[in-house]
Amino acid sequence: MRCSANLSPSRGTQRGLSLIELMVAMVIGLILILGVTQIFINNQKSYLFQQGQMGNQENSRFALALLNQELSKAGYRSKPIRTFPAGSGQGCTFPEGAAVVAAGANALCIRYQAANKGDVNCQGTALAGGDQDTIITPYGQNNPIVVEKISYDSGSSSILCSSGSTPQQLVTGVAALNFDYGSGQSDLKTVSGYSTTPGGTIGAVRYTILMMSPGSSSLRDTAAASQALTEWKNRFGSSPVETNQIYQIVQGTTMIRNQMQ
């Protein structure tokens, strides 16, 4: 007997995906990818926004502390009953007895008497050798007078300090700076009002700073006007060109030494 083997393939062959099934799977995959991408973008924007706010807050604290530190020096004298003579420095002219001179709405000059040889100016520089030689004893009555100029530079968006021939950046990320000077009668040692053009002896300085978040990443929608920029314009009549950065207004006031009761 002869046996024959059945070599024909099985009738139940495997079937592949249809075109419709493949398209449905691709659409579902694209929807999932778009959803994940949008979540990533939102998280990235939130991260940049938080970083911008933190940068503003840190720079704001530093700027306020720095201005208060320098203005607190203004008017220091080893013997308070002695007045400053008339003088000049850093492009400013000081009347007799004045410790602060307004050089505009965003610049001022201060002067104070060095206390000892270890004193440094706003740039962190030690006194010149000749000035140090004149300091015989700490807090001496004949110690040299230091003049500093604090100003705003819109080109670098920074607060500058000049105590020599070259200005130095103190704080960056500053969109605008405004000084208001409190003045009144020097014999009464009171402030009768604040102005950018004081008419009497300056007894207090109020400084308002518009901070701008660091970096150039898109942090907010520029279609909506910044409330900080709007407030700045309402106060001072003009404001910087708006960008997509985060803005914040901070303000402080320092009484000038020996000028207030």
Protein backbone atom coordinates (compact mmCIF):
# COMPACT_ATOMS: atom_id res chain seq x y z
CA MET A 1 0.00 0.00 0.00
CA ARG A 2 1.31 3.41 -0.95
CA CYS A 3 0.73 6.35 1.39
CA SER A 4 0.65 9.92 0.10
CA ALA A 5 1.53 12.91 2.37
CA ASN A 6 -0.69 16.01 2.33
CA LEU A 7 1.77 18.84 1.69
CA SER A 8 -0.78 21.60 1.07
CA PRO A 9 -0.72 24.61 3.54
CA SER A 10 -3.33 25.03 6.21
CA ARG A 11 -6.50 26.70 5.09
CA GLY A 12 -6.60 28.99 8.20
CA THR A 13 -3.87 31.47 7.15
CA GLN A 14 -2.96 34.51 9.44
CA ARG A 15 -4.46 37.88 8.42
CA GLY A 16 -2.69 41.33 8.84
CA LEU A 17 -4.09 44.76 9.95
CA SER A 18 -6.45 46.49 7.65
CA LEU A 19 -5.74 50.07 6.49
CA ILE A 20 -8.60 51.44 8.61
CA GLU A 21 -7.30 49.76 11.76
CA LEU A 22 -3.82 51.14 11.10
CA MET A 23 -5.16 54.69 10.60
CA VAL A 24 -7.22 54.51 13.80
CA ALA A 25 -4.15 53.38 15.76
CA MET A 26 -2.08 56.23 14.29
CA VAL A 27 -4.74 58.82 15.19
CA ILE A 28 -4.91 57.55 18.77
CA GLY A 29 -1.12 57.63 19.01
CA LEU A 30 -0.97 61.20 17.67
CA ILE A 31 -3.60 62.34 20.18
CA LEU A 32 -1.58 60.82 23.02
CA ILE A 33 1.64 62.42 21.75
CA LEU A 34 -0.03 65.84 21.43
CA GLY A 35 -1.41 65.55 24.96
CA VAL A 36 1.97 64.63 26.45
CA THR A 37 3.67 67.42 24.46
CA GLN A 38 1.17 70.00 25.71
CA ILE A 39 1.70 68.89 29.30
CA PHE A 40 5.47 69.21 28.81
CA ILE A 41 5.11 72.72 27.32
CA ASN A 42 2.84 73.87 30.16
CA ASN A 43 5.21 72.48 32.78
CA GLN A 44 8.15 74.18 31.05
CA LYS A 45 6.33 77.54 31.00
CA SER A 46 5.38 77.15 34.65
CA TYR A 47 8.99 76.34 35.52
CA LEU A 48 10.32 79.37 33.61
CA PHE A 49 7.68 81.61 35.22
CA GLN A 50 8.64 80.45 38.70
CA GLN A 51 12.32 80.89 37.91
CA GLY A 52 11.62 84.40 36.63
CA GLN A 53 9.74 85.31 39.79
CA MET A 54 12.51 83.93 41.98
CA GLY A 55 15.10 85.87 39.99
CA ASN A 56 13.11 89.07 40.42
CA GLN A 57 12.68 88.56 44.14
CA GLU A 58 16.36 87.81 44.71
CA ASN A 59 17.49 90.80 42.63
CA SER A 60 14.90 93.02 44.32
CA ARG A 61 16.14 92.15 47.81
CA PHE A 62 19.73 92.70 46.76
CA ALA A 63 18.96 96.05 45.07
CA LEU A 64 17.03 97.40 48.06
CA ALA A 65 19.70 96.26 50.52
CA LEU A 66 22.46 97.75 48.41
CA LEU A 67 20.81 101.16 47.97
CA ASN A 68 19.95 101.31 51.66
CA GLN A 69 23.52 100.37 52.58
CA GLU A 70 25.07 103.10 50.43
CA LEU A 71 22.54 105.79 51.36
CA SER A 72 23.02 104.95 55.03
CA LYS A 73 26.66 106.05 54.64
CA ALA A 74 25.65 109.45 53.25
CA GLY A 75 26.26 112.25 55.74
CA TYR A 76 28.50 110.26 58.09
CA ARG A 77 30.98 112.51 59.87
CA SER A 78 33.41 111.75 62.67
CA LYS A 79 32.13 114.83 64.47
CA PRO A 80 28.42 115.32 63.70
CA ILE A 81 28.34 118.94 64.85
CA ARG A 82 30.71 119.83 62.02
CA THR A 83 29.10 120.37 58.61
CA PHE A 84 30.45 119.33 55.25
CA PRO A 85 32.10 122.16 53.34
CA ALA A 86 30.98 122.97 49.81
CA GLY A 87 32.61 120.62 47.34
CA SER A 88 32.29 118.58 44.17
CA GLY A 89 32.95 115.12 42.82
CA GLN A 90 31.69 112.59 40.25
CA GLY A 91 30.15 115.44 38.25
CA CYS A 92 28.06 116.71 41.17
CA THR A 93 28.33 119.97 43.11
CA PHE A 94 27.61 119.78 46.85
CA PRO A 95 26.41 122.89 48.68
CA GLU A 96 27.73 123.38 52.20
CA GLY A 97 26.24 120.84 54.58
CA ALA A 98 24.69 118.66 51.84
CA ALA A 99 25.29 114.91 51.95
CA VAL A 100 23.11 113.99 48.95
CA VAL A 101 22.76 115.81 45.64
CA ALA A 102 20.11 114.97 43.03
CA ALA A 103 21.62 114.31 39.62
CA GLY A 104 18.23 113.61 38.04
CA ALA A 105 15.31 111.24 38.48
CA ASN A 106 17.55 108.17 38.16
CA ALA A 107 20.92 109.34 39.50
CA LEU A 108 22.32 110.86 42.68
CA CYS A 109 25.60 111.62 44.40
CA ILE A 110 26.41 111.03 48.05
CA ARG A 111 29.37 111.87 50.26
CA TYR A 112 30.56 110.69 53.64
CA GLN A 113 33.69 110.76 55.73
CA ALA A 114 35.83 107.63 55.85
CA ALA A 115 35.88 106.02 59.28
CA ASN A 116 39.12 104.02 59.05
CA LYS A 117 41.71 102.67 56.62
CA GLY A 118 39.66 99.53 56.01
CA ASP A 119 36.72 101.39 54.45
CA VAL A 120 35.68 100.42 50.92
CA ASN A 121 33.52 102.32 48.44
CA CYS A 122 30.44 101.10 46.58
CA GLN A 123 32.66 99.29 44.08
CA GLY A 124 34.31 97.32 46.88
CA THR A 125 37.57 99.19 46.33
CA ALA A 126 39.77 100.27 49.21
CA LEU A 127 40.66 103.90 49.75
CA ALA A 128 43.52 105.30 47.70
CA GLY A 129 46.93 105.10 49.31
CA GLY A 130 47.09 108.85 49.79
CA ASP A 131 43.72 108.90 51.53
CA GLN A 132 44.72 106.04 53.78
CA ASP A 133 47.86 107.91 54.78
CA THR A 134 45.76 110.84 56.02
CA ILE A 135 43.89 108.57 58.46
CA ILE A 136 46.01 108.76 61.59
CA THR A 137 43.40 107.43 63.99
CA PRO A 138 40.06 105.71 63.33
CA TYR A 139 37.12 108.12 63.25
CA GLY A 140 39.47 111.07 63.04
CA GLN A 141 38.03 114.49 62.32
CA ASN A 142 40.34 115.02 59.33
CA ASN A 143 39.66 111.72 57.61
CA PRO A 144 39.05 112.01 53.82
CA ILE A 145 35.61 112.54 52.30
CA VAL A 146 34.39 109.85 49.88
CA VAL A 147 32.07 110.79 46.99
CA GLU A 148 29.98 108.21 45.13
CA LYS A 149 27.50 108.44 42.27
CA ILE A 150 24.69 105.91 41.90
CA SER A 151 22.88 105.93 38.56
CA TYR A 152 20.80 103.82 36.19
CA ASP A 153 22.03 102.67 32.78
CA SER A 154 19.25 101.69 30.38
CA GLY A 155 21.71 100.17 27.90
CA SER A 156 22.78 97.43 30.30
CA SER A 157 19.58 97.48 32.40
CA SER A 158 21.64 97.89 35.53
CA ILE A 159 22.36 100.16 38.49
CA LEU A 160 25.86 101.61 38.32
CA CYS A 161 28.20 102.98 40.94
CA SER A 162 30.95 105.49 40.22
CA SER A 163 33.60 106.22 42.80
CA GLY A 164 36.51 106.47 40.41
CA SER A 165 36.97 106.93 36.71
CA THR A 166 35.10 103.78 35.62
CA PRO A 167 31.48 103.00 36.60
CA GLN A 168 30.76 99.48 37.81
CA GLN A 169 27.55 97.47 37.63
CA LEU A 170 25.99 96.76 41.01
CA VAL A 171 22.61 95.23 40.11
CA THR A 172 21.47 93.84 36.76
CA GLY A 173 17.98 92.99 35.53
CA VAL A 174 16.67 96.50 36.30
CA ALA A 175 14.14 97.84 33.78
CA ALA A 176 13.89 101.32 35.36
CA LEU A 177 14.90 103.29 38.46
CA ASN A 178 13.40 106.43 39.97
CA PHE A 179 14.60 108.56 42.88
CA ASP A 180 12.29 110.89 44.81
CA TYR A 181 14.05 113.29 47.17
CA GLY A 182 12.47 114.37 50.43
CA SER A 183 13.49 117.91 51.22
CA GLY A 184 12.61 120.70 53.60
CA GLN A 185 14.19 123.45 55.67
CA SER A 186 17.60 122.34 56.92
CA ASP A 187 17.20 124.09 60.26
CA LEU A 188 13.97 122.22 60.99
CA LYS A 189 15.37 118.86 59.83
CA THR A 190 12.02 117.74 58.46
CA VAL A 191 10.71 116.63 55.06
CA SER A 192 7.88 118.70 53.63
CA GLY A 193 7.53 116.76 50.36
CA TYR A 194 9.12 114.44 47.82
CA SER A 195 10.20 115.47 44.34
CA THR A 196 12.69 114.56 41.63
CA THR A 197 13.85 118.19 41.77
CA PRO A 198 14.24 119.01 45.48
CA GLY A 199 14.18 122.63 46.52
CA GLY A 200 15.98 122.32 49.84
CA THR A 201 18.29 120.12 51.83
CA ILE A 202 17.66 116.44 51.09
CA GLY A 203 16.70 114.62 54.26
CA ALA A 204 15.39 111.37 52.77
CA VAL A 205 15.56 109.44 49.51
CA ARG A 206 12.77 107.21 48.21
CA TYR A 207 13.84 104.78 45.50
CA THR A 208 11.47 102.84 43.27
CA ILE A 209 12.85 100.03 41.10
CA LEU A 210 11.21 98.20 38.21
CA MET A 211 12.77 94.75 38.14
CA MET A 212 12.82 92.57 35.03
CA SER A 213 13.18 88.79 35.11
CA PRO A 214 16.51 87.47 33.79
CA GLY A 215 16.86 85.50 30.57
CA SER A 216 15.12 85.81 27.22
CA SER A 217 12.71 82.87 27.28
CA SER A 218 9.00 83.46 26.73
CA LEU A 219 7.54 83.77 30.21
CA ARG A 220 4.13 85.32 29.67
CA ASP A 221 1.65 86.32 26.98
CA THR A 222 2.45 89.84 25.75
CA ALA A 223 -1.12 90.22 24.51
CA ALA A 224 -2.06 91.12 28.09
CA ALA A 225 -0.38 94.29 29.36
CA SER A 226 1.88 93.91 32.37
CA GLN A 227 0.22 95.35 35.47
CA ALA A 228 3.62 96.39 36.82
CA LEU A 229 4.43 98.36 33.66
CA THR A 230 0.99 99.98 33.71
CA GLU A 231 1.49 100.99 37.34
CA TRP A 232 4.95 102.36 36.57
CA LYS A 233 3.59 104.47 33.71
CA ASN A 234 0.80 105.80 35.94
CA ARG A 235 3.33 106.85 38.56
CA PHE A 236 6.14 108.25 36.44
CA GLY A 237 4.57 109.02 33.06
CA SER A 238 6.59 106.60 30.95
CA SER A 239 7.73 103.01 31.02
CA PRO A 240 10.20 100.78 29.17
CA VAL A 241 9.19 98.94 26.01
CA GLU A 242 7.21 95.89 27.06
CA THR A 243 8.68 92.45 26.44
CA ASN A 244 7.58 88.97 27.49
CA GLN A 245 9.56 89.19 30.74
CA ILE A 246 8.06 89.33 34.24
CA TYR A 247 8.12 92.75 35.89
CA GLN A 248 7.97 93.68 39.55
CA ILE A 249 8.00 97.03 41.36
CA VAL A 250 9.86 97.39 44.67
CA GLN A 251 10.33 100.50 46.78
CA GLY A 252 12.30 101.65 49.79
CA THR A 253 13.10 104.84 51.70
CA THR A 254 16.27 105.82 53.55
CA MET A 255 16.58 108.77 55.93
CA ILE A 256 19.83 110.66 55.49
CA ARG A 257 22.13 110.66 58.51
CA ASN A 258 22.10 113.85 60.62
CA GLN A 259 19.46 115.45 58.40
CA MET A 260 16.29 114.33 60.19
CA GLN A 261 15.02 114.86 63.71
